[in-house]
Amino acid sequence: MKEVTQLNRSAFMLTFSAICLAINLVLGMVMQSLKIPLLYLDTLGTMLGAAVLGPWYGAAIGGLTNVVQGVLTNPVNIPFALVNVAIGLTVGWVARRYGFGWKVALPTGLFLAVAAPLVGTPIAIWIFGGLGGSGTDFLVLWLLKSGQGIFSAAFWPRIVGNLVDKIGCALLTAFLLKRIPLAQLLPGKRML
């Protein structure tokens, strides 16, 4: 009986990871097509997977998202996989330690709004000269032309975009966690 439960748990974890990866890809492509400023939603699946399955699954979901996005839509996304991995590790650790209700999701989203650009800005500078192929690139160029250094010119516009996106994704993750019947999906195992 223990083997069946372990098999069910493994199947659930892989299936849920695939669903989270699909959430990232679909929402990322939809938001990119709609061109809604400051909202990407391409880390919602990473946060959801990390909160349910833990930091290592969250990191894997995040990293794979960027690789698949890079292959399917835009190769610029591939180097930024490290940002999504950091988001998965952070949310997974926070959820394991504190749970992931809205009182935890809000400060986690605020933290990620700063941490993600801290990871992504050096990548953007090193590989792309500070640009990242998003709508904030015009702000980066404007700040550069106004005399700002390359790091601050690339960093501050990313903060603005991430404040809306990361806080929104974290709060949406907390909302979804309240409504997903995890106990019924995998009886006998507490996922959070």
Protein backbone atom coordinates (compact mmCIF):
# COMPACT_ATOMS: atom_id res chain seq x y z
CA MET A 1 0.00 0.00 0.00
CA LYS A 2 2.89 2.36 0.75
CA GLU A 3 4.20 1.92 -2.83
CA VAL A 4 0.81 2.89 -4.30
CA THR A 5 0.71 6.02 -2.16
CA GLN A 6 4.27 6.95 -3.19
CA LEU A 7 3.39 6.34 -6.84
CA ASN A 8 0.28 8.53 -6.48
CA ARG A 9 2.37 11.24 -4.84
CA SER A 10 4.99 11.14 -7.59
CA ALA A 11 2.34 11.19 -10.31
CA PHE A 12 0.62 14.13 -8.62
CA MET A 13 3.86 16.07 -8.27
CA LEU A 14 4.86 15.57 -11.92
CA THR A 15 1.36 16.30 -13.22
CA PHE A 16 1.00 19.41 -11.05
CA SER A 17 4.46 20.60 -12.18
CA ALA A 18 3.42 20.21 -15.81
CA ILE A 19 0.21 22.14 -15.15
CA CYS A 20 2.19 24.93 -13.47
CA LEU A 21 4.61 25.05 -16.40
CA ALA A 22 1.64 25.31 -18.79
CA ILE A 23 0.14 28.12 -16.65
CA ASN A 24 3.39 30.07 -16.96
CA LEU A 25 3.61 29.54 -20.71
CA VAL A 26 -0.02 30.27 -21.54
CA LEU A 27 -0.36 33.32 -19.29
CA GLY A 28 3.01 34.65 -20.44
CA MET A 29 2.03 34.38 -24.10
CA VAL A 30 -1.46 35.81 -23.52
CA MET A 31 -0.13 38.80 -21.57
CA GLN A 32 2.59 39.36 -24.17
CA SER A 33 -0.06 39.35 -26.91
CA LEU A 34 -2.37 41.69 -24.99
CA LYS A 35 0.55 44.04 -24.26
CA ILE A 36 -0.81 45.03 -20.87
CA PRO A 37 1.89 47.19 -19.27
CA LEU A 38 3.63 46.02 -16.10
CA LEU A 39 1.79 42.69 -15.92
CA TYR A 40 3.38 39.50 -17.25
CA LEU A 41 1.92 36.67 -15.09
CA ASP A 42 4.62 34.32 -16.40
CA THR A 43 5.68 33.39 -12.86
CA LEU A 44 2.25 32.49 -11.47
CA GLY A 45 2.79 28.78 -12.16
CA THR A 46 6.26 28.94 -10.62
CA MET A 47 4.88 30.47 -7.43
CA LEU A 48 1.95 28.05 -7.31
CA GLY A 49 4.17 25.02 -7.89
CA ALA A 50 6.70 26.20 -5.32
CA ALA A 51 4.03 26.87 -2.70
CA VAL A 52 2.45 23.43 -3.18
CA LEU A 53 5.44 21.21 -4.00
CA GLY A 54 8.38 23.02 -2.43
CA PRO A 55 11.36 25.08 -3.50
CA TRP A 56 13.13 22.53 -5.73
CA TYR A 57 10.04 21.82 -7.80
CA GLY A 58 9.37 25.56 -7.99
CA ALA A 59 12.91 26.16 -9.22
CA ALA A 60 12.57 23.43 -11.84
CA ILE A 61 9.21 24.79 -13.03
CA GLY A 62 10.66 28.29 -13.25
CA GLY A 63 13.82 27.28 -15.08
CA LEU A 64 11.98 25.07 -17.56
CA THR A 65 9.48 27.85 -18.23
CA ASN A 66 12.18 30.17 -19.50
CA VAL A 67 13.85 27.49 -21.57
CA VAL A 68 10.58 26.46 -23.23
CA GLN A 69 9.56 30.11 -23.74
CA GLY A 70 12.95 30.74 -25.30
CA VAL A 71 12.55 27.85 -27.71
CA LEU A 72 8.90 28.58 -28.59
CA THR A 73 8.69 32.37 -28.65
CA ASN A 74 11.77 34.41 -27.86
CA PRO A 75 15.34 33.21 -27.15
CA VAL A 76 15.87 36.32 -25.00
CA ASN A 77 13.96 34.52 -22.21
CA ILE A 78 16.51 31.72 -21.77
CA PRO A 79 19.23 33.63 -19.87
CA PHE A 80 16.60 34.95 -17.45
CA ALA A 81 15.79 31.41 -16.26
CA LEU A 82 17.92 32.17 -13.22
CA VAL A 83 15.38 34.82 -12.16
CA ASN A 84 12.51 32.33 -12.34
CA VAL A 85 14.60 29.73 -10.46
CA ALA A 86 15.23 32.28 -7.69
CA ILE A 87 11.48 33.02 -7.52
CA GLY A 88 10.69 29.31 -7.20
CA LEU A 89 13.27 28.80 -4.46
CA THR A 90 12.12 31.87 -2.54
CA VAL A 91 8.38 31.15 -2.67
CA GLY A 92 8.94 27.46 -1.90
CA TRP A 93 11.04 28.26 1.15
CA VAL A 94 8.63 30.93 2.40
CA ALA A 95 5.59 28.67 1.91
CA ARG A 96 7.26 25.78 3.74
CA ARG A 97 8.21 28.01 6.63
CA TYR A 98 5.19 30.31 6.97
CA GLY A 99 2.42 28.97 4.72
CA PHE A 100 1.25 31.16 1.84
CA GLY A 101 -1.85 33.11 2.80
CA TRP A 102 -2.29 36.68 1.64
CA LYS A 103 -0.52 38.05 4.75
CA VAL A 104 2.61 36.17 3.68
CA ALA A 105 2.06 36.59 -0.07
CA LEU A 106 2.07 40.40 0.04
CA PRO A 107 5.50 40.84 1.67
CA THR A 108 6.86 37.96 -0.43
CA GLY A 109 5.64 39.73 -3.58
CA LEU A 110 7.28 42.96 -2.41
CA PHE A 111 10.53 41.13 -1.72
CA LEU A 112 10.43 39.45 -5.15
CA ALA A 113 9.72 42.80 -6.82
CA VAL A 114 13.20 43.86 -5.70
CA ALA A 115 14.99 40.49 -5.69
CA ALA A 116 14.01 39.51 -9.25
CA PRO A 117 15.50 42.70 -10.75
CA LEU A 118 18.61 42.24 -8.60
CA VAL A 119 19.12 38.87 -10.29
CA GLY A 120 17.89 39.89 -13.75
CA THR A 121 19.62 43.25 -14.15
CA PRO A 122 23.19 41.89 -14.25
CA ILE A 123 22.03 39.31 -16.82
CA ALA A 124 20.43 42.03 -18.94
CA ILE A 125 23.55 44.19 -18.70
CA TRP A 126 26.03 41.42 -19.39
CA ILE A 127 24.20 39.81 -22.31
CA PHE A 128 22.00 42.56 -23.76
CA GLY A 129 23.60 45.84 -22.67
CA GLY A 130 20.84 46.53 -20.13
CA LEU A 131 17.86 45.81 -22.37
CA GLY A 132 15.58 42.83 -21.96
CA GLY A 133 13.12 42.97 -24.82
CA SER A 134 10.23 44.32 -22.75
CA GLY A 135 8.21 47.50 -22.65
CA THR A 136 10.49 49.02 -20.02
CA ASP A 137 13.41 49.17 -22.46
CA PHE A 138 12.48 52.71 -23.49
CA LEU A 139 12.87 53.77 -19.83
CA VAL A 140 16.27 52.08 -19.67
CA LEU A 141 17.44 54.00 -22.75
CA TRP A 142 15.98 57.26 -21.45
CA LEU A 143 17.74 56.85 -18.09
CA LEU A 144 21.01 56.02 -19.84
CA LYS A 145 20.73 59.14 -22.00
CA SER A 146 19.94 61.23 -18.92
CA GLY A 147 23.27 60.28 -17.38
CA GLN A 148 22.37 57.34 -15.14
CA GLY A 149 24.81 54.47 -14.80
CA ILE A 150 24.05 51.25 -16.64
CA PHE A 151 23.01 49.32 -13.51
CA SER A 152 20.57 51.92 -12.15
CA ALA A 153 19.20 52.61 -15.66
CA ALA A 154 18.47 48.91 -16.11
CA PHE A 155 17.42 48.22 -12.51
CA TRP A 156 14.79 50.89 -11.68
CA PRO A 157 12.45 50.25 -14.64
CA ARG A 158 12.45 46.55 -13.74
CA ILE A 159 11.41 47.40 -10.17
CA VAL A 160 8.37 49.32 -11.47
CA GLY A 161 7.24 46.42 -13.65
CA ASN A 162 7.89 43.84 -10.98
CA LEU A 163 5.96 45.68 -8.27
CA VAL A 164 2.72 45.09 -10.13
CA ASP A 165 3.55 41.67 -11.52
CA LYS A 166 5.21 39.91 -8.57
CA ILE A 167 2.78 41.23 -5.95
CA GLY A 168 -0.12 40.34 -8.24
CA CYS A 169 1.20 36.83 -8.87
CA ALA A 170 1.90 36.24 -5.17
CA LEU A 171 -1.61 37.37 -4.16
CA LEU A 172 -3.18 35.34 -6.96
CA THR A 173 -1.19 32.31 -5.78
CA ALA A 174 -2.52 32.75 -2.24
CA PHE A 175 -6.05 33.06 -3.66
CA LEU A 176 -5.68 29.88 -5.73
CA LEU A 177 -4.18 27.91 -2.84
CA LYS A 178 -7.35 28.53 -0.82
CA ARG A 179 -9.46 27.09 -3.64
CA ILE A 180 -7.45 24.10 -4.88
CA PRO A 181 -8.66 20.94 -3.09
CA LEU A 182 -5.17 19.53 -2.47
CA ALA A 183 -6.38 17.20 0.27
CA GLN A 184 -8.82 15.53 -2.15
CA LEU A 185 -6.25 15.28 -4.92
CA LEU A 186 -3.78 13.37 -2.80
CA PRO A 187 -5.35 11.89 0.36
CA GLY A 188 -3.12 11.29 3.34
CA LYS A 189 -0.41 13.74 2.31
CA ARG A 190 -0.22 17.30 3.49
CA MET A 191 1.30 19.39 0.69
CA LEU A 192 1.59 22.67 2.61
